[in-house]
Amino acid sequence: MDINKLRIFVNLVETENFTRTAQNLNLTQPSVSYIIKSIEDETGQKLFVRNKRHVVPTKNGLIFYNQVKPLINKYYLALQSIRSNEEKEADIINIGCTVTPYNLNNIPKWIKKFNIQYPKTKFNITILDHNKLKQYLENENIDLFLTSKGDASDLKNIQFYPLLKDKFFAIVPYNNSLSNKSELSITDFTMQNLIFVDNDLTGIEMINLQNKIINENTNLNVTFTNDLAGALILVSALQGITIGLKFIYTDFDEQLRKVPLALSPTISYGAVVKKIIKGRW
């Protein structure tokens, strides 16, 4: 199957919109539709469910996407490494991460600092949820990813390099009486609206804490979001309380208060590496 066809398929899964995919890849919408139909014919599977405004990948479509995307990434990285004589001597480090303010702010700084000593090193960034990042590391589609030490505890043959340590805090709107407390206990959340993050988008320590809060309080109204930024948006809109760490949330709206959680475990956040990259990690 043509790599360009697969690139169109991957883009359509990510945009869920024929028009945006056509614009992204400088194609016409009918061309995109024709190519997707040809891929479905070739695979013998229905890969998308279509309606007037969106296209949503089917279960088989998502399976195909998860297998195809790392292959495309490797294909373009291979092209990049053979098109320049200089790059034949260069390393390419593939970094995996989730989207958090801490990562967005610090990863560029680390790359620039690393390039001062190793100017020929190139970088690729892969943004995925926690479970897929683990799979990508195990399959060697990435060289390292950023997460908490506890979240990496189920991985084998890895090294963990700590970057910072922190304890959990609650992000509380100023108009909530809990914002005036100097510290919150697990049982303080009774009768509260809570904004939690889906398990795929956060580490095991936060998953355990969220579950503990749910189990030890009554009359909770819990909303789960599939995005860390979405949780902060809802709290900023005074819709409830969320739980955070400084490597997830760095800046706060003036209407929000950061209140420490009593007896919070210390969370170590850092880089998880499976293989040695030419002796430098």
C-alpha atoms as a PDB file:
ATOM      1  CA  MET A   1       0.000   0.000   0.000  1.00  0.00           C
ATOM      2  CA  ASP A   2       1.302   3.471  -0.926  1.00  0.00           C
ATOM      3  CA  ILE A   3       2.820   5.367   2.027  1.00  0.00           C
ATOM      4  CA  ASN A   4       1.048   8.547   0.901  1.00  0.00           C
ATOM      5  CA  LYS A   5      -2.309   6.776   1.104  1.00  0.00           C
ATOM      6  CA  LEU A   6      -1.514   5.695   4.636  1.00  0.00           C
ATOM      7  CA  ARG A   7      -0.505   9.245   5.543  1.00  0.00           C
ATOM      8  CA  ILE A   8      -3.926  10.458   4.367  1.00  0.00           C
ATOM      9  CA  PHE A   9      -5.635   7.729   6.401  1.00  0.00           C
ATOM     10  CA  VAL A  10      -3.699   8.694   9.577  1.00  0.00           C
ATOM     11  CA  ASN A  11      -4.489  12.376   9.122  1.00  0.00           C
ATOM     12  CA  LEU A  12      -8.196  11.662   8.672  1.00  0.00           C
ATOM     13  CA  VAL A  13      -8.296   9.624  11.892  1.00  0.00           C
ATOM     14  CA  GLU A  14      -6.738  12.573  13.722  1.00  0.00           C
ATOM     15  CA  THR A  15      -8.903  15.322  12.183  1.00  0.00           C
ATOM     16  CA  GLU A  16     -12.148  13.317  11.795  1.00  0.00           C
ATOM     17  CA  ASN A  17     -12.944  15.713   8.967  1.00  0.00           C
ATOM     18  CA  PHE A  18     -12.445  15.264   5.202  1.00  0.00           C
ATOM     19  CA  THR A  19     -12.157  19.010   4.577  1.00  0.00           C
ATOM     20  CA  ARG A  20      -9.439  19.571   7.192  1.00  0.00           C
ATOM     21  CA  THR A  21      -7.458  16.578   5.966  1.00  0.00           C
ATOM     22  CA  ALA A  22      -7.685  17.863   2.398  1.00  0.00           C
ATOM     23  CA  GLN A  23      -6.447  21.281   3.558  1.00  0.00           C
ATOM     24  CA  ASN A  24      -3.643  19.803   5.675  1.00  0.00           C
ATOM     25  CA  LEU A  25      -2.308  17.723   2.779  1.00  0.00           C
ATOM     26  CA  ASN A  26      -3.066  20.133  -0.101  1.00  0.00           C
ATOM     27  CA  LEU A  27      -5.590  17.784  -1.697  1.00  0.00           C
ATOM     28  CA  THR A  28      -9.178  18.074  -2.814  1.00  0.00           C
ATOM     29  CA  GLN A  29     -11.893  16.585  -0.643  1.00  0.00           C
ATOM     30  CA  PRO A  30     -13.041  14.182  -3.397  1.00  0.00           C
ATOM     31  CA  SER A  31      -9.448  12.930  -3.694  1.00  0.00           C
ATOM     32  CA  VAL A  32      -9.327  12.196   0.030  1.00  0.00           C
ATOM     33  CA  SER A  33     -12.668  10.380  -0.132  1.00  0.00           C
ATOM     34  CA  TYR A  34     -11.521   8.316  -3.115  1.00  0.00           C
ATOM     35  CA  ILE A  35      -8.240   7.317  -1.432  1.00  0.00           C
ATOM     36  CA  ILE A  36      -9.964   6.320   1.824  1.00  0.00           C
ATOM     37  CA  LYS A  37     -12.437   4.219  -0.166  1.00  0.00           C
ATOM     38  CA  SER A  38      -9.543   2.532  -1.974  1.00  0.00           C
ATOM     39  CA  ILE A  39      -7.854   1.708   1.360  1.00  0.00           C
ATOM     40  CA  GLU A  40     -11.089   0.201   2.654  1.00  0.00           C
ATOM     41  CA  ASP A  41     -11.402  -1.838  -0.532  1.00  0.00           C
ATOM     42  CA  GLU A  42      -7.803  -3.031  -0.246  1.00  0.00           C
ATOM     43  CA  THR A  43      -8.111  -3.989   3.435  1.00  0.00           C
ATOM     44  CA  GLY A  44     -11.588  -5.398   3.025  1.00  0.00           C
ATOM     45  CA  GLN A  45     -12.648  -3.540   6.183  1.00  0.00           C
ATOM     46  CA  LYS A  46     -14.883  -0.567   6.951  1.00  0.00           C
ATOM     47  CA  LEU A  47     -12.471   1.871   8.591  1.00  0.00           C
ATOM     48  CA  PHE A  48     -14.736   4.898   9.166  1.00  0.00           C
ATOM     49  CA  VAL A  49     -18.303   5.727  10.098  1.00  0.00           C
ATOM     50  CA  ARG A  50     -19.376   8.811   8.152  1.00  0.00           C
ATOM     51  CA  ASN A  51     -22.001  11.484   8.772  1.00  0.00           C
ATOM     52  CA  LYS A  52     -22.582  14.950   7.352  1.00  0.00           C
ATOM     53  CA  ARG A  53     -20.050  16.700   9.612  1.00  0.00           C
ATOM     54  CA  HIS A  54     -17.552  14.147  10.869  1.00  0.00           C
ATOM     55  CA  VAL A  55     -15.938  10.806  10.175  1.00  0.00           C
ATOM     56  CA  VAL A  56     -15.189   8.554  13.137  1.00  0.00           C
ATOM     57  CA  PRO A  57     -12.823   5.565  12.924  1.00  0.00           C
ATOM     58  CA  THR A  58     -14.365   2.153  13.505  1.00  0.00           C
ATOM     59  CA  LYS A  59     -12.807  -0.329  15.935  1.00  0.00           C
ATOM     60  CA  ASN A  60     -10.853  -1.863  13.037  1.00  0.00           C
ATOM     61  CA  GLY A  61      -9.957   1.624  11.877  1.00  0.00           C
ATOM     62  CA  LEU A  62      -8.357   2.422  15.258  1.00  0.00           C
ATOM     63  CA  ILE A  63      -6.476  -0.895  15.276  1.00  0.00           C
ATOM     64  CA  PHE A  64      -5.150  -0.134  11.786  1.00  0.00           C
ATOM     65  CA  TYR A  65      -4.229   3.439  12.855  1.00  0.00           C
ATOM     66  CA  ASN A  66      -2.286   2.293  15.940  1.00  0.00           C
ATOM     67  CA  GLN A  67      -0.233  -0.100  13.807  1.00  0.00           C
ATOM     68  CA  VAL A  68       0.281   2.217  10.832  1.00  0.00           C
ATOM     69  CA  LYS A  69       1.248   5.502  12.531  1.00  0.00           C
ATOM     70  CA  PRO A  70       4.554   4.318  14.065  1.00  0.00           C
ATOM     71  CA  LEU A  71       5.468   2.754  10.708  1.00  0.00           C
ATOM     72  CA  ILE A  72       4.923   6.090   8.952  1.00  0.00           C
ATOM     73  CA  ASN A  73       6.976   7.893  11.601  1.00  0.00           C
ATOM     74  CA  LYS A  74       9.822   5.426  11.111  1.00  0.00           C
ATOM     75  CA  TYR A  75       9.563   5.771   7.323  1.00  0.00           C
ATOM     76  CA  TYR A  76       9.982   9.554   7.426  1.00  0.00           C
ATOM     77  CA  LEU A  77      12.734   9.362  10.011  1.00  0.00           C
ATOM     78  CA  ALA A  78      14.542   6.878   7.758  1.00  0.00           C
ATOM     79  CA  LEU A  79      14.200   9.282   4.821  1.00  0.00           C
ATOM     80  CA  GLN A  80      15.486  12.126   6.962  1.00  0.00           C
ATOM     81  CA  SER A  81      18.570  10.178   8.018  1.00  0.00           C
ATOM     82  CA  ILE A  82      19.620   9.201   4.457  1.00  0.00           C
ATOM     83  CA  ARG A  83      18.970  12.496   2.657  1.00  0.00           C
ATOM     84  CA  SER A  84      21.869  14.322   4.289  1.00  0.00           C
ATOM     85  CA  ASN A  85      25.474  13.202   4.606  1.00  0.00           C
ATOM     86  CA  GLU A  86      25.677  15.003   7.917  1.00  0.00           C
ATOM     87  CA  GLU A  87      22.744  13.088   9.290  1.00  0.00           C
ATOM     88  CA  LYS A  88      24.501   9.801   8.602  1.00  0.00           C
ATOM     89  CA  GLU A  89      26.610  10.708  11.606  1.00  0.00           C
ATOM     90  CA  ALA A  90      23.743  12.130  13.654  1.00  0.00           C
ATOM     91  CA  ASP A  91      21.594  10.528  16.342  1.00  0.00           C
ATOM     92  CA  ILE A  92      17.823  10.772  16.262  1.00  0.00           C
ATOM     93  CA  ILE A  93      16.218  10.668  19.707  1.00  0.00           C
ATOM     94  CA  ASN A  94      12.492   9.908  19.783  1.00  0.00           C
ATOM     95  CA  ILE A  95      10.805  11.437  22.838  1.00  0.00           C
ATOM     96  CA  GLY A  96       7.297  10.489  23.916  1.00  0.00           C
ATOM     97  CA  CYS A  97       5.135  12.628  26.191  1.00  0.00           C
ATOM     98  CA  THR A  98       1.647  13.764  27.083  1.00  0.00           C
ATOM     99  CA  VAL A  99       0.579  17.375  26.635  1.00  0.00           C
ATOM    100  CA  THR A 100       1.096  19.240  29.907  1.00  0.00           C
ATOM    101  CA  PRO A 101       2.248  22.812  30.562  1.00  0.00           C
ATOM    102  CA  TYR A 102       5.400  21.428  32.207  1.00  0.00           C
ATOM    103  CA  ASN A 103       6.337  19.337  29.175  1.00  0.00           C
ATOM    104  CA  LEU A 104       5.533  22.103  26.703  1.00  0.00           C
ATOM    105  CA  ASN A 105       7.689  24.540  28.669  1.00  0.00           C
ATOM    106  CA  ASN A 106      10.655  22.326  29.540  1.00  0.00           C
ATOM    107  CA  ILE A 107      11.222  19.841  26.703  1.00  0.00           C
ATOM    108  CA  PRO A 108      12.316  22.608  24.258  1.00  0.00           C
ATOM    109  CA  LYS A 109      14.790  23.883  26.884  1.00  0.00           C
ATOM    110  CA  TRP A 110      16.263  20.413  27.368  1.00  0.00           C
ATOM    111  CA  ILE A 111      16.625  19.863  23.631  1.00  0.00           C
ATOM    112  CA  LYS A 112      18.390  23.211  23.134  1.00  0.00           C
ATOM    113  CA  LYS A 113      20.729  22.507  26.054  1.00  0.00           C
ATOM    114  CA  PHE A 114      21.496  18.997  24.761  1.00  0.00           C
ATOM    115  CA  ASN A 115      22.236  20.337  21.267  1.00  0.00           C
ATOM    116  CA  ILE A 116      24.897  22.671  22.637  1.00  0.00           C
ATOM    117  CA  GLN A 117      26.977  19.610  23.507  1.00  0.00           C
ATOM    118  CA  TYR A 118      25.691  17.331  20.714  1.00  0.00           C
ATOM    119  CA  PRO A 119      24.771  19.649  17.805  1.00  0.00           C
ATOM    120  CA  LYS A 120      24.237  16.832  15.291  1.00  0.00           C
ATOM    121  CA  THR A 121      21.545  15.116  17.356  1.00  0.00           C
ATOM    122  CA  LYS A 122      18.028  15.356  15.926  1.00  0.00           C
ATOM    123  CA  PHE A 123      14.798  14.929  17.870  1.00  0.00           C
ATOM    124  CA  ASN A 124      11.329  13.615  17.174  1.00  0.00           C
ATOM    125  CA  ILE A 125       8.359  14.163  19.516  1.00  0.00           C
ATOM    126  CA  THR A 126       5.488  11.667  19.802  1.00  0.00           C
ATOM    127  CA  ILE A 127       2.425  12.779  21.809  1.00  0.00           C
ATOM    128  CA  LEU A 128       0.237   9.938  23.079  1.00  0.00           C
ATOM    129  CA  ASP A 129      -1.647   8.831  26.179  1.00  0.00           C
ATOM    130  CA  HIS A 130       0.128   6.935  28.981  1.00  0.00           C
ATOM    131  CA  ASN A 131      -0.769   3.415  27.850  1.00  0.00           C
ATOM    132  CA  LYS A 132       0.303   3.986  24.243  1.00  0.00           C
ATOM    133  CA  LEU A 133       3.566   5.593  25.379  1.00  0.00           C
ATOM    134  CA  LYS A 134       4.385   2.412  27.302  1.00  0.00           C
ATOM    135  CA  GLN A 135       3.587   0.286  24.250  1.00  0.00           C
ATOM    136  CA  TYR A 136       5.710   2.510  22.017  1.00  0.00           C
ATOM    137  CA  LEU A 137       8.681   2.260  24.398  1.00  0.00           C
ATOM    138  CA  GLU A 138       8.385  -1.527  24.636  1.00  0.00           C
ATOM    139  CA  ASN A 139       8.189  -1.779  20.822  1.00  0.00           C
ATOM    140  CA  GLU A 140      11.126   0.656  20.485  1.00  0.00           C
ATOM    141  CA  ASN A 141       9.071   3.164  18.496  1.00  0.00           C
ATOM    142  CA  ILE A 142      10.319   5.788  20.982  1.00  0.00           C
ATOM    143  CA  ASP A 143      13.585   5.953  22.932  1.00  0.00           C
ATOM    144  CA  LEU A 144      12.198   7.510  26.095  1.00  0.00           C
ATOM    145  CA  PHE A 145       9.094   9.071  27.543  1.00  0.00           C
ATOM    146  CA  LEU A 146       8.227  11.293  30.497  1.00  0.00           C
ATOM    147  CA  THR A 147       6.057  10.017  33.325  1.00  0.00           C
ATOM    148  CA  SER A 148       6.032   9.345  37.056  1.00  0.00           C
ATOM    149  CA  LYS A 149       8.158   6.590  38.565  1.00  0.00           C
ATOM    150  CA  GLY A 150       5.072   4.732  39.774  1.00  0.00           C
ATOM    151  CA  ASP A 151       3.491   4.831  36.341  1.00  0.00           C
ATOM    152  CA  ALA A 152       6.584   3.125  34.900  1.00  0.00           C
ATOM    153  CA  SER A 153       6.732   0.454  37.596  1.00  0.00           C
ATOM    154  CA  ASP A 154       5.056  -2.180  35.409  1.00  0.00           C
ATOM    155  CA  LEU A 155       7.650  -1.851  32.644  1.00  0.00           C
ATOM    156  CA  LYS A 156      10.591  -4.238  32.353  1.00  0.00           C
ATOM    157  CA  ASN A 157      14.224  -3.498  31.457  1.00  0.00           C
ATOM    158  CA  ILE A 158      13.954   0.254  31.924  1.00  0.00           C
ATOM    159  CA  GLN A 159      15.905   2.974  33.672  1.00  0.00           C
ATOM    160  CA  PHE A 160      14.202   5.897  35.394  1.00  0.00           C
ATOM    161  CA  TYR A 161      15.927   9.296  35.525  1.00  0.00           C
ATOM    162  CA  PRO A 162      14.171  11.633  38.012  1.00  0.00           C
ATOM    163  CA  LEU A 163      13.669  15.272  37.058  1.00  0.00           C
ATOM    164  CA  LEU A 164      11.610  16.581  39.965  1.00  0.00           C
ATOM    165  CA  LYS A 165       9.521  15.548  42.949  1.00  0.00           C
ATOM    166  CA  ASP A 166       6.176  16.917  44.077  1.00  0.00           C
ATOM    167  CA  LYS A 167       3.100  16.217  46.196  1.00  0.00           C
ATOM    168  CA  PHE A 168      -0.526  16.371  45.146  1.00  0.00           C
ATOM    169  CA  PHE A 169      -2.607  19.474  45.629  1.00  0.00           C
ATOM    170  CA  ALA A 170      -6.217  20.364  44.894  1.00  0.00           C
ATOM    171  CA  ILE A 171      -7.015  23.158  42.463  1.00  0.00           C
ATOM    172  CA  VAL A 172     -10.022  24.891  44.041  1.00  0.00           C
ATOM    173  CA  PRO A 173     -12.079  27.853  42.717  1.00  0.00           C
ATOM    174  CA  TYR A 174     -11.861  30.902  44.983  1.00  0.00           C
ATOM    175  CA  ASN A 175     -15.643  30.851  45.634  1.00  0.00           C
ATOM    176  CA  ASN A 176     -15.457  27.371  47.178  1.00  0.00           C
ATOM    177  CA  SER A 177     -15.089  27.282  50.979  1.00  0.00           C
ATOM    178  CA  LEU A 178     -12.324  24.651  50.645  1.00  0.00           C
ATOM    179  CA  SER A 179     -10.091  27.267  49.036  1.00  0.00           C
ATOM    180  CA  ASN A 180      -9.603  28.896  52.460  1.00  0.00           C
ATOM    181  CA  LYS A 181      -8.113  25.779  54.029  1.00  0.00           C
ATOM    182  CA  SER A 182      -4.361  25.432  54.456  1.00  0.00           C
ATOM    183  CA  GLU A 183      -4.580  21.703  53.757  1.00  0.00           C
ATOM    184  CA  LEU A 184      -7.215  19.223  52.614  1.00  0.00           C
ATOM    185  CA  SER A 185      -7.810  15.661  53.739  1.00  0.00           C
ATOM    186  CA  ILE A 186      -9.271  12.926  51.542  1.00  0.00           C
ATOM    187  CA  THR A 187     -12.635  13.164  53.305  1.00  0.00           C
ATOM    188  CA  ASP A 188     -12.984  16.926  52.771  1.00  0.00           C
ATOM    189  CA  PHE A 189     -14.430  16.378  49.296  1.00  0.00           C
ATOM    190  CA  THR A 190     -17.888  15.194  50.397  1.00  0.00           C
ATOM    191  CA  MET A 191     -20.687  17.027  48.553  1.00  0.00           C
ATOM    192  CA  GLN A 192     -18.212  18.535  46.068  1.00  0.00           C
ATOM    193  CA  ASN A 193     -18.125  18.681  42.261  1.00  0.00           C
ATOM    194  CA  LEU A 194     -14.909  17.010  41.139  1.00  0.00           C
ATOM    195  CA  ILE A 195     -13.194  17.135  37.755  1.00  0.00           C
ATOM    196  CA  PHE A 196     -11.068  14.018  37.222  1.00  0.00           C
ATOM    197  CA  VAL A 197      -8.957  12.857  34.285  1.00  0.00           C
ATOM    198  CA  ASP A 198      -9.520   9.554  32.453  1.00  0.00           C
ATOM    199  CA  ASN A 199      -7.115   6.788  33.451  1.00  0.00           C
ATOM    200  CA  ASP A 200      -5.369   6.703  30.053  1.00  0.00           C
ATOM    201  CA  LEU A 201      -4.331  10.341  30.433  1.00  0.00           C
ATOM    202  CA  THR A 202      -2.699  10.195  33.854  1.00  0.00           C
ATOM    203  CA  GLY A 203      -0.327   8.112  35.958  1.00  0.00           C
ATOM    204  CA  ILE A 204      -1.119   5.333  38.403  1.00  0.00           C
ATOM    205  CA  GLU A 205      -0.562   7.564  41.445  1.00  0.00           C
ATOM    206  CA  MET A 206      -3.281  10.001  40.375  1.00  0.00           C
ATOM    207  CA  ILE A 207      -5.572   7.136  39.342  1.00  0.00           C
ATOM    208  CA  ASN A 208      -5.227   5.658  42.832  1.00  0.00           C
ATOM    209  CA  LEU A 209      -5.828   9.032  44.479  1.00  0.00           C
ATOM    210  CA  GLN A 210      -8.918   9.727  42.384  1.00  0.00           C
ATOM    211  CA  ASN A 211     -10.316   6.299  43.266  1.00  0.00           C
ATOM    212  CA  LYS A 212      -9.575   6.837  46.966  1.00  0.00           C
ATOM    213  CA  ILE A 213     -11.408  10.172  46.978  1.00  0.00           C
ATOM    214  CA  ILE A 214     -14.421   8.576  45.276  1.00  0.00           C
ATOM    215  CA  ASN A 215     -14.470   5.641  47.707  1.00  0.00           C
ATOM    216  CA  GLU A 216     -14.070   7.692  50.896  1.00  0.00           C
ATOM    217  CA  ASN A 217     -16.589  10.459  50.205  1.00  0.00           C
ATOM    218  CA  THR A 218     -20.343  10.571  49.721  1.00  0.00           C
ATOM    219  CA  ASN A 219     -22.634  12.554  47.442  1.00  0.00           C
ATOM    220  CA  LEU A 220     -19.863  13.362  44.993  1.00  0.00           C
ATOM    221  CA  ASN A 221     -20.562  14.702  41.537  1.00  0.00           C
ATOM    222  CA  VAL A 222     -17.629  13.493  39.421  1.00  0.00           C
ATOM    223  CA  THR A 223     -16.956  14.533  35.837  1.00  0.00           C
ATOM    224  CA  PHE A 224     -14.219  12.711  33.895  1.00  0.00           C
ATOM    225  CA  THR A 225     -12.381  14.514  31.104  1.00  0.00           C
ATOM    226  CA  ASN A 226     -10.189  12.962  28.414  1.00  0.00           C
ATOM    227  CA  ASP A 227      -7.709  15.813  28.503  1.00  0.00           C
ATOM    228  CA  LEU A 228      -5.625  17.460  31.235  1.00  0.00           C
ATOM    229  CA  ALA A 229      -6.192  20.907  29.771  1.00  0.00           C
ATOM    230  CA  GLY A 230      -9.931  20.197  29.732  1.00  0.00           C
ATOM    231  CA  ALA A 231      -9.895  19.571  33.486  1.00  0.00           C
ATOM    232  CA  LEU A 232      -8.194  22.922  34.109  1.00  0.00           C
ATOM    233  CA  ILE A 233     -10.642  24.710  31.794  1.00  0.00           C
ATOM    234  CA  LEU A 234     -13.616  23.346  33.745  1.00  0.00           C
ATOM    235  CA  VAL A 235     -12.079  24.316  37.088  1.00  0.00           C
ATOM    236  CA  SER A 236     -11.285  27.792  35.724  1.00  0.00           C
ATOM    237  CA  ALA A 237     -14.953  28.023  34.751  1.00  0.00           C
ATOM    238  CA  LEU A 238     -15.796  27.372  38.441  1.00  0.00           C
ATOM    239  CA  GLN A 239     -17.317  23.977  37.676  1.00  0.00           C
ATOM    240  CA  GLY A 240     -15.516  22.014  40.380  1.00  0.00           C
ATOM    241  CA  ILE A 241     -12.216  20.892  41.889  1.00  0.00           C
ATOM    242  CA  THR A 242      -9.418  18.909  40.292  1.00  0.00           C
ATOM    243  CA  ILE A 243      -6.207  17.293  41.535  1.00  0.00           C
ATOM    244  CA  GLY A 244      -2.795  18.339  40.273  1.00  0.00           C
ATOM    245  CA  LEU A 245       0.984  18.253  40.408  1.00  0.00           C
ATOM    246  CA  LYS A 246       3.318  21.010  39.279  1.00  0.00           C
ATOM    247  CA  PHE A 247       4.568  19.021  36.285  1.00  0.00           C
ATOM    248  CA  ILE A 248       0.939  18.883  35.092  1.00  0.00           C
ATOM    249  CA  TYR A 249      -0.261  22.364  36.022  1.00  0.00           C
ATOM    250  CA  THR A 250       2.245  25.208  36.303  1.00  0.00           C
ATOM    251  CA  ASP A 251       0.221  28.418  35.922  1.00  0.00           C
ATOM    252  CA  PHE A 252      -3.095  29.170  37.557  1.00  0.00           C
ATOM    253  CA  ASP A 253      -5.951  31.543  36.925  1.00  0.00           C
ATOM    254  CA  GLU A 254      -6.198  34.206  39.650  1.00  0.00           C
ATOM    255  CA  GLN A 255      -9.608  32.762  40.555  1.00  0.00           C
ATOM    256  CA  LEU A 256      -8.052  29.435  41.559  1.00  0.00           C
ATOM    257  CA  ARG A 257      -6.317  28.346  44.737  1.00  0.00           C
ATOM    258  CA  LYS A 258      -3.732  25.568  45.114  1.00  0.00           C
ATOM    259  CA  VAL A 259      -4.416  23.708  48.376  1.00  0.00           C
ATOM    260  CA  PRO A 260      -2.018  20.906  49.483  1.00  0.00           C
ATOM    261  CA  LEU A 261      -3.409  17.437  50.213  1.00  0.00           C
ATOM    262  CA  ALA A 262      -2.609  15.952  53.605  1.00  0.00           C
ATOM    263  CA  LEU A 263      -0.596  12.727  53.589  1.00  0.00           C
ATOM    264  CA  SER A 264       0.001  12.990  49.853  1.00  0.00           C
ATOM    265  CA  PRO A 265       2.712  10.612  48.625  1.00  0.00           C
ATOM    266  CA  THR A 266       5.817  12.147  47.075  1.00  0.00           C
ATOM    267  CA  ILE A 267       5.668  11.683  43.314  1.00  0.00           C
ATOM    268  CA  SER A 268       8.887  11.412  41.323  1.00  0.00           C
ATOM    269  CA  TYR A 269       8.611  12.553  37.693  1.00  0.00           C
ATOM    270  CA  GLY A 270      11.242  11.876  35.076  1.00  0.00           C
ATOM    271  CA  ALA A 271      12.429  10.148  31.911  1.00  0.00           C
ATOM    272  CA  VAL A 272      11.899   6.432  31.326  1.00  0.00           C
ATOM    273  CA  VAL A 273      14.472   4.858  29.005  1.00  0.00           C
ATOM    274  CA  LYS A 274      14.532   1.314  27.672  1.00  0.00           C
ATOM    275  CA  LYS A 275      17.727   1.316  25.679  1.00  0.00           C
ATOM    276  CA  ILE A 276      21.035   3.140  25.892  1.00  0.00           C
ATOM    277  CA  ILE A 277      21.403   5.755  23.154  1.00  0.00           C
ATOM    278  CA  LYS A 278      25.055   5.406  22.226  1.00  0.00           C
ATOM    279  CA  GLY A 279      26.177   5.609  25.816  1.00  0.00           C
ATOM    280  CA  ARG A 280      24.633   8.997  26.549  1.00  0.00           C
ATOM    281  CA  TRP A 281      21.661   7.991  28.693  1.00  0.00           C
END
